[in-house]
Amino acid sequence: MRLAKYLAHAGVASRRASEQLIADGRITVGGTIVRDPARDVDDSHDVAFDGEPVRGAEPRVAYALHKPAGVVSTASDTHGRRTVVDLVPAERRLYPVGRLDAESTGLILLTNDGDLANRLTHPRYEVPKTYRASLAGAALTDRALKALREGVQLDDGMTAPAKVRRLTPHQLELTIYEGRNRQVRRMCEAIRRPVRQLVRIRFGPLELGDLRPGKARRLTGTELEALAAAASPTPAPGGRRGRG
């Protein structure tokens, strides 16, 4: 197995983050620093991360968490703020799948499966994420909704078309298939309706449901299979993706 994939399977980090750890010289094999993420290894190769032995592949687990406001979506924080990892009582090292900004709330996933995390957040797989946004400014018009549906210009380029449903004159439900930084907030600012409150209510096939803020639950095998299917190269019939 390639070194980056081995680290991801062992729960060290996502595959992309593992590649960076390797490039930074923090991974050794048999006591020697290795900088090639494609290096073939197995459990007999004495792989270590910052000098600590890396165990072989752990059982894959994932949790759904209702992230409260003020909690950051990282595994650790240099400013001492609470992180999503602090809220999930798990024996294994977990890391968040993508991010919610500190003031946003709602569904976030945590897992030790680096491959799955990478696929769920990679733009290629277009895994949908649905948000409920309460907005300031004027009442939502058909023109504003049309702009969101067709794509709006941000400082890092045009957004892909989104699914949008108006709930009230100042509240909408929006589904995006990308994962840019603070994307929903910036999209709403682009139509001059700043976000007052933002909740992620769905990630792929999973829904927030009645999970209370600050609480987490372990996903079932069926739910893990559904997530893997959502992040597969070939979508289910009726899906958006038309490319492999």
C-alpha atoms as a PDB file:
ATOM      1  CA  MET A   1       0.000   0.000   0.000  1.00  0.00           C
ATOM      2  CA  ARG A   2       1.253   3.487  -0.783  1.00  0.00           C
ATOM      3  CA  LEU A   3       2.569   5.384   2.224  1.00  0.00           C
ATOM      4  CA  ALA A   4       0.036   8.245   2.073  1.00  0.00           C
ATOM      5  CA  LYS A   5      -2.836   5.772   1.829  1.00  0.00           C
ATOM      6  CA  TYR A   6      -1.379   3.700   4.683  1.00  0.00           C
ATOM      7  CA  LEU A   7      -1.286   6.780   6.932  1.00  0.00           C
ATOM      8  CA  ALA A   8      -4.849   7.674   6.002  1.00  0.00           C
ATOM      9  CA  HIS A   9      -6.054   4.141   6.733  1.00  0.00           C
ATOM     10  CA  ALA A  10      -4.249   4.234  10.081  1.00  0.00           C
ATOM     11  CA  GLY A  11      -6.157   7.373  11.035  1.00  0.00           C
ATOM     12  CA  VAL A  12      -3.134   9.699  11.088  1.00  0.00           C
ATOM     13  CA  ALA A  13      -4.679  12.243   8.703  1.00  0.00           C
ATOM     14  CA  SER A  14      -6.573  12.466   5.434  1.00  0.00           C
ATOM     15  CA  ARG A  15      -4.617  11.305   2.400  1.00  0.00           C
ATOM     16  CA  ARG A  16      -3.980  14.873   1.262  1.00  0.00           C
ATOM     17  CA  ALA A  17      -2.810  15.918   4.735  1.00  0.00           C
ATOM     18  CA  SER A  18      -0.682  12.764   4.952  1.00  0.00           C
ATOM     19  CA  GLU A  19       1.085  13.745   1.749  1.00  0.00           C
ATOM     20  CA  GLN A  20       1.984  17.057   3.393  1.00  0.00           C
ATOM     21  CA  LEU A  21       3.266  15.298   6.515  1.00  0.00           C
ATOM     22  CA  ILE A  22       5.476  13.172   4.281  1.00  0.00           C
ATOM     23  CA  ALA A  23       6.748  16.221   2.390  1.00  0.00           C
ATOM     24  CA  ASP A  24       7.542  17.905   5.721  1.00  0.00           C
ATOM     25  CA  GLY A  25       9.760  15.002   6.742  1.00  0.00           C
ATOM     26  CA  ARG A  26       7.612  13.956   9.681  1.00  0.00           C
ATOM     27  CA  ILE A  27       7.213  10.336   8.547  1.00  0.00           C
ATOM     28  CA  THR A  28       9.891   7.684   8.874  1.00  0.00           C
ATOM     29  CA  VAL A  29      10.016   4.124   7.580  1.00  0.00           C
ATOM     30  CA  GLY A  30      12.451   1.868   9.369  1.00  0.00           C
ATOM     31  CA  GLY A  31      13.925   4.904  11.107  1.00  0.00           C
ATOM     32  CA  THR A  32      14.620   6.785   7.860  1.00  0.00           C
ATOM     33  CA  ILE A  33      12.724   9.884   6.726  1.00  0.00           C
ATOM     34  CA  VAL A  34      10.725   9.139   3.572  1.00  0.00           C
ATOM     35  CA  ARG A  35       9.419  11.921   1.353  1.00  0.00           C
ATOM     36  CA  ASP A  36       7.788   9.800  -1.340  1.00  0.00           C
ATOM     37  CA  PRO A  37       4.042   9.389  -0.709  1.00  0.00           C
ATOM     38  CA  ALA A  38       3.968   6.529  -3.230  1.00  0.00           C
ATOM     39  CA  ARG A  39       6.456   4.418  -1.265  1.00  0.00           C
ATOM     40  CA  ASP A  40       5.004   0.923  -0.743  1.00  0.00           C
ATOM     41  CA  VAL A  41       4.667  -0.075   2.917  1.00  0.00           C
ATOM     42  CA  ASP A  42       2.789  -2.508   5.116  1.00  0.00           C
ATOM     43  CA  ASP A  43       2.575  -3.308   8.831  1.00  0.00           C
ATOM     44  CA  SER A  44       6.064  -4.840   8.775  1.00  0.00           C
ATOM     45  CA  HIS A  45       7.793  -1.615   7.710  1.00  0.00           C
ATOM     46  CA  ASP A  46       8.011   0.209  11.083  1.00  0.00           C
ATOM     47  CA  VAL A  47       6.243   3.398   9.992  1.00  0.00           C
ATOM     48  CA  ALA A  48       6.361   6.294  12.482  1.00  0.00           C
ATOM     49  CA  PHE A  49       4.845   9.783  12.679  1.00  0.00           C
ATOM     50  CA  ASP A  50       6.943  12.297  14.654  1.00  0.00           C
ATOM     51  CA  GLY A  51       8.723   9.332  16.183  1.00  0.00           C
ATOM     52  CA  GLU A  52       5.548   7.572  17.323  1.00  0.00           C
ATOM     53  CA  PRO A  53       4.790   4.183  15.746  1.00  0.00           C
ATOM     54  CA  VAL A  54       1.838   4.105  13.376  1.00  0.00           C
ATOM     55  CA  ARG A  55      -0.436   1.130  13.806  1.00  0.00           C
ATOM     56  CA  GLY A  56      -1.983  -0.573  10.828  1.00  0.00           C
ATOM     57  CA  ALA A  57      -5.425   0.166   9.530  1.00  0.00           C
ATOM     58  CA  GLU A  58      -8.008   0.725  12.261  1.00  0.00           C
ATOM     59  CA  PRO A  59     -11.682  -0.134  11.922  1.00  0.00           C
ATOM     60  CA  ARG A  60     -13.374   2.650   9.990  1.00  0.00           C
ATOM     61  CA  VAL A  61     -15.694   4.785  12.098  1.00  0.00           C
ATOM     62  CA  ALA A  62     -17.542   8.043  11.539  1.00  0.00           C
ATOM     63  CA  TYR A  63     -19.659  10.309  13.712  1.00  0.00           C
ATOM     64  CA  ALA A  64     -22.296  12.934  13.038  1.00  0.00           C
ATOM     65  CA  LEU A  65     -21.995  15.987  15.278  1.00  0.00           C
ATOM     66  CA  HIS A  66     -24.287  18.976  15.718  1.00  0.00           C
ATOM     67  CA  LYS A  67     -21.642  21.693  15.921  1.00  0.00           C
ATOM     68  CA  PRO A  68     -22.572  24.595  18.195  1.00  0.00           C
ATOM     69  CA  ALA A  69     -21.570  28.182  17.495  1.00  0.00           C
ATOM     70  CA  GLY A  70     -18.094  29.161  18.685  1.00  0.00           C
ATOM     71  CA  VAL A  71     -16.598  25.695  18.184  1.00  0.00           C
ATOM     72  CA  VAL A  72     -13.926  25.417  15.487  1.00  0.00           C
ATOM     73  CA  SER A  73     -13.874  22.681  12.861  1.00  0.00           C
ATOM     74  CA  THR A  74     -10.301  21.516  13.375  1.00  0.00           C
ATOM     75  CA  ALA A  75      -8.633  18.698  15.271  1.00  0.00           C
ATOM     76  CA  SER A  76      -6.743  21.195  17.467  1.00  0.00           C
ATOM     77  CA  ASP A  77      -6.583  24.947  17.967  1.00  0.00           C
ATOM     78  CA  THR A  78      -3.555  27.073  18.815  1.00  0.00           C
ATOM     79  CA  HIS A  79      -5.790  29.639  20.553  1.00  0.00           C
ATOM     80  CA  GLY A  80      -7.242  27.109  22.973  1.00  0.00           C
ATOM     81  CA  ARG A  81     -10.767  27.201  21.583  1.00  0.00           C
ATOM     82  CA  ARG A  82     -12.998  24.148  21.743  1.00  0.00           C
ATOM     83  CA  THR A  83     -12.859  22.010  18.632  1.00  0.00           C
ATOM     84  CA  VAL A  84     -15.306  19.561  17.111  1.00  0.00           C
ATOM     85  CA  VAL A  85     -12.971  16.726  18.117  1.00  0.00           C
ATOM     86  CA  ASP A  86     -13.357  17.737  21.784  1.00  0.00           C
ATOM     87  CA  LEU A  87     -17.101  17.073  21.523  1.00  0.00           C
ATOM     88  CA  VAL A  88     -16.924  13.504  20.229  1.00  0.00           C
ATOM     89  CA  PRO A  89     -16.144  10.797  22.814  1.00  0.00           C
ATOM     90  CA  ALA A  90     -14.170   8.354  20.669  1.00  0.00           C
ATOM     91  CA  GLU A  91     -11.196   6.115  21.398  1.00  0.00           C
ATOM     92  CA  ARG A  92      -9.694   6.612  17.947  1.00  0.00           C
ATOM     93  CA  ARG A  93      -8.099   9.704  16.475  1.00  0.00           C
ATOM     94  CA  LEU A  94     -10.730  11.536  14.435  1.00  0.00           C
ATOM     95  CA  TYR A  95     -10.591  14.505  12.141  1.00  0.00           C
ATOM     96  CA  PRO A  96     -13.402  16.596  10.658  1.00  0.00           C
ATOM     97  CA  VAL A  97     -14.688  16.114   7.129  1.00  0.00           C
ATOM     98  CA  GLY A  98     -14.466  19.614   5.693  1.00  0.00           C
ATOM     99  CA  ARG A  99     -15.309  22.646   7.799  1.00  0.00           C
ATOM    100  CA  LEU A 100     -18.016  24.878   9.138  1.00  0.00           C
ATOM    101  CA  ASP A 101     -16.898  28.352  10.135  1.00  0.00           C
ATOM    102  CA  ALA A 102     -16.867  29.055  13.862  1.00  0.00           C
ATOM    103  CA  GLU A 103     -20.218  30.875  13.991  1.00  0.00           C
ATOM    104  CA  SER A 104     -22.098  28.421  11.768  1.00  0.00           C
ATOM    105  CA  THR A 105     -23.862  25.459  13.333  1.00  0.00           C
ATOM    106  CA  GLY A 106     -25.234  22.123  12.258  1.00  0.00           C
ATOM    107  CA  LEU A 107     -24.102  18.837  10.824  1.00  0.00           C
ATOM    108  CA  ILE A 108     -20.411  18.043  10.551  1.00  0.00           C
ATOM    109  CA  LEU A 109     -18.873  14.602  10.149  1.00  0.00           C
ATOM    110  CA  LEU A 110     -15.761  13.259  11.855  1.00  0.00           C
ATOM    111  CA  THR A 111     -13.956  10.083  10.869  1.00  0.00           C
ATOM    112  CA  ASN A 112     -10.686   8.180  10.939  1.00  0.00           C
ATOM    113  CA  ASP A 113     -11.178   7.135   7.308  1.00  0.00           C
ATOM    114  CA  GLY A 114      -8.917   9.455   5.336  1.00  0.00           C
ATOM    115  CA  ASP A 115      -9.944   8.109   1.943  1.00  0.00           C
ATOM    116  CA  LEU A 116     -13.633   8.643   2.630  1.00  0.00           C
ATOM    117  CA  ALA A 117     -13.012  12.130   4.039  1.00  0.00           C
ATOM    118  CA  ASN A 118     -11.029  13.100   0.957  1.00  0.00           C
ATOM    119  CA  ARG A 119     -13.724  11.884  -1.444  1.00  0.00           C
ATOM    120  CA  LEU A 120     -16.532  13.554   0.491  1.00  0.00           C
ATOM    121  CA  THR A 121     -14.803  16.942   0.237  1.00  0.00           C
ATOM    122  CA  HIS A 122     -13.229  16.677  -3.224  1.00  0.00           C
ATOM    123  CA  PRO A 123     -15.016  18.878  -5.801  1.00  0.00           C
ATOM    124  CA  ARG A 124     -14.895  16.065  -8.351  1.00  0.00           C
ATOM    125  CA  TYR A 125     -17.536  14.039  -6.493  1.00  0.00           C
ATOM    126  CA  GLU A 126     -19.994  16.910  -5.998  1.00  0.00           C
ATOM    127  CA  VAL A 127     -21.341  15.613  -2.699  1.00  0.00           C
ATOM    128  CA  PRO A 128     -24.254  17.944  -1.845  1.00  0.00           C
ATOM    129  CA  LYS A 129     -24.382  19.963   1.359  1.00  0.00           C
ATOM    130  CA  THR A 130     -27.604  21.701   2.357  1.00  0.00           C
ATOM    131  CA  TYR A 131     -27.874  24.790   4.552  1.00  0.00           C
ATOM    132  CA  ARG A 132     -30.683  26.804   6.072  1.00  0.00           C
ATOM    133  CA  ALA A 133     -29.813  30.502   6.118  1.00  0.00           C
ATOM    134  CA  SER A 134     -31.564  33.402   7.845  1.00  0.00           C
ATOM    135  CA  LEU A 135     -30.742  36.626   6.023  1.00  0.00           C
ATOM    136  CA  ALA A 136     -30.597  40.341   6.697  1.00  0.00           C
ATOM    137  CA  GLY A 137     -31.457  42.984   4.127  1.00  0.00           C
ATOM    138  CA  ALA A 138     -34.403  43.225   1.803  1.00  0.00           C
ATOM    139  CA  ALA A 139     -36.883  40.403   1.297  1.00  0.00           C
ATOM    140  CA  LEU A 140     -35.743  37.690  -1.094  1.00  0.00           C
ATOM    141  CA  THR A 141     -36.809  38.337  -4.669  1.00  0.00           C
ATOM    142  CA  ASP A 142     -37.131  35.916  -7.562  1.00  0.00           C
ATOM    143  CA  ARG A 143     -34.170  37.694  -9.153  1.00  0.00           C
ATOM    144  CA  ALA A 144     -31.956  37.030  -6.127  1.00  0.00           C
ATOM    145  CA  LEU A 145     -32.951  33.365  -6.061  1.00  0.00           C
ATOM    146  CA  LYS A 146     -32.285  33.047  -9.795  1.00  0.00           C
ATOM    147  CA  ALA A 147     -28.782  34.454  -9.309  1.00  0.00           C
ATOM    148  CA  LEU A 148     -27.972  31.843  -6.672  1.00  0.00           C
ATOM    149  CA  ARG A 149     -29.394  29.054  -8.806  1.00  0.00           C
ATOM    150  CA  GLU A 150     -27.345  30.059 -11.849  1.00  0.00           C
ATOM    151  CA  GLY A 151     -24.133  30.962  -9.995  1.00  0.00           C
ATOM    152  CA  VAL A 152     -22.734  34.199  -8.594  1.00  0.00           C
ATOM    153  CA  GLN A 153     -19.346  35.824  -9.036  1.00  0.00           C
ATOM    154  CA  LEU A 154     -17.049  35.610  -6.000  1.00  0.00           C
ATOM    155  CA  ASP A 155     -13.478  36.789  -5.633  1.00  0.00           C
ATOM    156  CA  ASP A 156     -12.274  33.249  -6.381  1.00  0.00           C
ATOM    157  CA  GLY A 157     -14.507  32.747  -9.411  1.00  0.00           C
ATOM    158  CA  MET A 158     -18.059  31.929 -10.396  1.00  0.00           C
ATOM    159  CA  THR A 159     -19.929  29.471  -8.213  1.00  0.00           C
ATOM    160  CA  ALA A 160     -21.539  26.388  -9.663  1.00  0.00           C
ATOM    161  CA  PRO A 161     -25.340  26.353  -9.906  1.00  0.00           C
ATOM    162  CA  ALA A 162     -27.046  25.688  -6.580  1.00  0.00           C
ATOM    163  CA  LYS A 163     -30.436  24.385  -5.556  1.00  0.00           C
ATOM    164  CA  VAL A 164     -32.358  27.093  -3.726  1.00  0.00           C
ATOM    165  CA  ARG A 165     -35.727  27.107  -1.985  1.00  0.00           C
ATOM    166  CA  ARG A 166     -37.271  30.178  -0.373  1.00  0.00           C
ATOM    167  CA  LEU A 167     -38.738  29.355   3.031  1.00  0.00           C
ATOM    168  CA  THR A 168     -39.779  32.851   4.124  1.00  0.00           C
ATOM    169  CA  PRO A 169     -39.003  36.336   2.774  1.00  0.00           C
ATOM    170  CA  HIS A 170     -35.768  36.281   4.806  1.00  0.00           C
ATOM    171  CA  GLN A 171     -34.911  32.592   4.976  1.00  0.00           C
ATOM    172  CA  LEU A 172     -33.802  30.100   2.350  1.00  0.00           C
ATOM    173  CA  GLU A 173     -32.583  26.553   1.972  1.00  0.00           C
ATOM    174  CA  LEU A 174     -29.538  26.229  -0.262  1.00  0.00           C
ATOM    175  CA  THR A 175     -27.717  23.141  -1.550  1.00  0.00           C
ATOM    176  CA  ILE A 176     -24.213  23.485  -2.954  1.00  0.00           C
ATOM    177  CA  TYR A 177     -21.889  20.948  -4.569  1.00  0.00           C
ATOM    178  CA  GLU A 178     -18.619  22.738  -3.870  1.00  0.00           C
ATOM    179  CA  GLY A 179     -16.732  23.461  -0.667  1.00  0.00           C
ATOM    180  CA  ARG A 180     -15.107  26.863  -0.864  1.00  0.00           C
ATOM    181  CA  ASN A 181     -14.220  28.795   2.267  1.00  0.00           C
ATOM    182  CA  ARG A 182     -17.343  30.427   3.792  1.00  0.00           C
ATOM    183  CA  GLN A 183     -19.044  29.861   0.446  1.00  0.00           C
ATOM    184  CA  VAL A 184     -22.688  30.168   1.478  1.00  0.00           C
ATOM    185  CA  ARG A 185     -22.048  33.367   3.423  1.00  0.00           C
ATOM    186  CA  ARG A 186     -20.197  34.880   0.465  1.00  0.00           C
ATOM    187  CA  MET A 187     -22.892  33.835  -1.994  1.00  0.00           C
ATOM    188  CA  CYS A 188     -25.537  35.546   0.117  1.00  0.00           C
ATOM    189  CA  GLU A 189     -23.382  38.652   0.457  1.00  0.00           C
ATOM    190  CA  ALA A 190     -23.092  38.694  -3.348  1.00  0.00           C
ATOM    191  CA  ILE A 191     -26.886  39.118  -3.594  1.00  0.00           C
ATOM    192  CA  ARG A 192     -26.792  41.716  -0.798  1.00  0.00           C
ATOM    193  CA  ARG A 193     -28.481  39.541   1.825  1.00  0.00           C
ATOM    194  CA  PRO A 194     -25.865  38.979   4.566  1.00  0.00           C
ATOM    195  CA  VAL A 195     -26.283  35.822   6.635  1.00  0.00           C
ATOM    196  CA  ARG A 196     -27.508  36.299  10.189  1.00  0.00           C
ATOM    197  CA  GLN A 197     -27.681  32.600  11.043  1.00  0.00           C
ATOM    198  CA  LEU A 198     -26.445  29.560   9.135  1.00  0.00           C
ATOM    199  CA  VAL A 199     -27.179  25.910   9.891  1.00  0.00           C
ATOM    200  CA  ARG A 200     -26.031  22.924   7.847  1.00  0.00           C
ATOM    201  CA  ILE A 201     -28.925  20.494   7.844  1.00  0.00           C
ATOM    202  CA  ARG A 202     -27.689  17.835   5.418  1.00  0.00           C
ATOM    203  CA  PHE A 203     -24.389  16.352   4.213  1.00  0.00           C
ATOM    204  CA  GLY A 204     -24.788  13.935   1.319  1.00  0.00           C
ATOM    205  CA  PRO A 205     -27.390  11.348   2.371  1.00  0.00           C
ATOM    206  CA  LEU A 206     -27.217  12.259   6.071  1.00  0.00           C
ATOM    207  CA  GLU A 207     -29.554  14.678   7.818  1.00  0.00           C
ATOM    208  CA  LEU A 208     -29.054  16.635  11.033  1.00  0.00           C
ATOM    209  CA  GLY A 209     -32.485  15.573  12.216  1.00  0.00           C
ATOM    210  CA  ASP A 210     -33.138  16.016  15.935  1.00  0.00           C
ATOM    211  CA  LEU A 211     -29.488  15.734  17.012  1.00  0.00           C
ATOM    212  CA  ARG A 212     -29.040  18.406  19.688  1.00  0.00           C
ATOM    213  CA  PRO A 213     -26.265  21.037  19.620  1.00  0.00           C
ATOM    214  CA  GLY A 214     -23.026  19.650  21.037  1.00  0.00           C
ATOM    215  CA  LYS A 215     -24.181  16.042  20.716  1.00  0.00           C
ATOM    216  CA  ALA A 216     -22.719  13.358  18.460  1.00  0.00           C
ATOM    217  CA  ARG A 217     -23.719   9.892  17.351  1.00  0.00           C
ATOM    218  CA  ARG A 218     -21.763   7.115  15.676  1.00  0.00           C
ATOM    219  CA  LEU A 219     -22.898   6.335  12.149  1.00  0.00           C
ATOM    220  CA  THR A 220     -24.239   2.898  11.354  1.00  0.00           C
ATOM    221  CA  GLY A 221     -22.751   0.565   8.773  1.00  0.00           C
ATOM    222  CA  THR A 222     -25.639   1.367   6.449  1.00  0.00           C
ATOM    223  CA  GLU A 223     -24.966   5.093   6.770  1.00  0.00           C
ATOM    224  CA  LEU A 224     -21.257   4.585   6.067  1.00  0.00           C
ATOM    225  CA  GLU A 225     -22.156   2.640   2.938  1.00  0.00           C
ATOM    226  CA  ALA A 226     -24.473   5.449   1.840  1.00  0.00           C
ATOM    227  CA  LEU A 227     -21.693   8.025   2.357  1.00  0.00           C
ATOM    228  CA  ALA A 228     -19.248   5.914   0.356  1.00  0.00           C
ATOM    229  CA  ALA A 229     -21.810   5.628  -2.453  1.00  0.00           C
ATOM    230  CA  ALA A 230     -22.383   9.395  -2.435  1.00  0.00           C
ATOM    231  CA  ALA A 231     -18.648   9.935  -2.898  1.00  0.00           C
ATOM    232  CA  SER A 232     -18.178   7.298  -5.583  1.00  0.00           C
ATOM    233  CA  PRO A 233     -17.009   8.218  -9.112  1.00  0.00           C
ATOM    234  CA  THR A 234     -20.300   7.081 -10.618  1.00  0.00           C
ATOM    235  CA  PRO A 235     -23.468   8.654  -9.166  1.00  0.00           C
ATOM    236  CA  ALA A 236     -26.679   6.849  -8.527  1.00  0.00           C
ATOM    237  CA  PRO A 237     -29.354   7.136 -11.268  1.00  0.00           C
ATOM    238  CA  GLY A 238     -30.678  10.676 -11.375  1.00  0.00           C
ATOM    239  CA  GLY A 239     -27.530  12.136  -9.782  1.00  0.00           C
ATOM    240  CA  ARG A 240     -25.824  15.305 -10.962  1.00  0.00           C
ATOM    241  CA  ARG A 241     -22.422  13.969 -11.904  1.00  0.00           C
ATOM    242  CA  GLY A 242     -21.882  13.302 -15.550  1.00  0.00           C
ATOM    243  CA  ARG A 243     -18.169  12.723 -15.512  1.00  0.00           C
ATOM    244  CA  GLY A 244     -15.985  10.018 -14.087  1.00  0.00           C
END
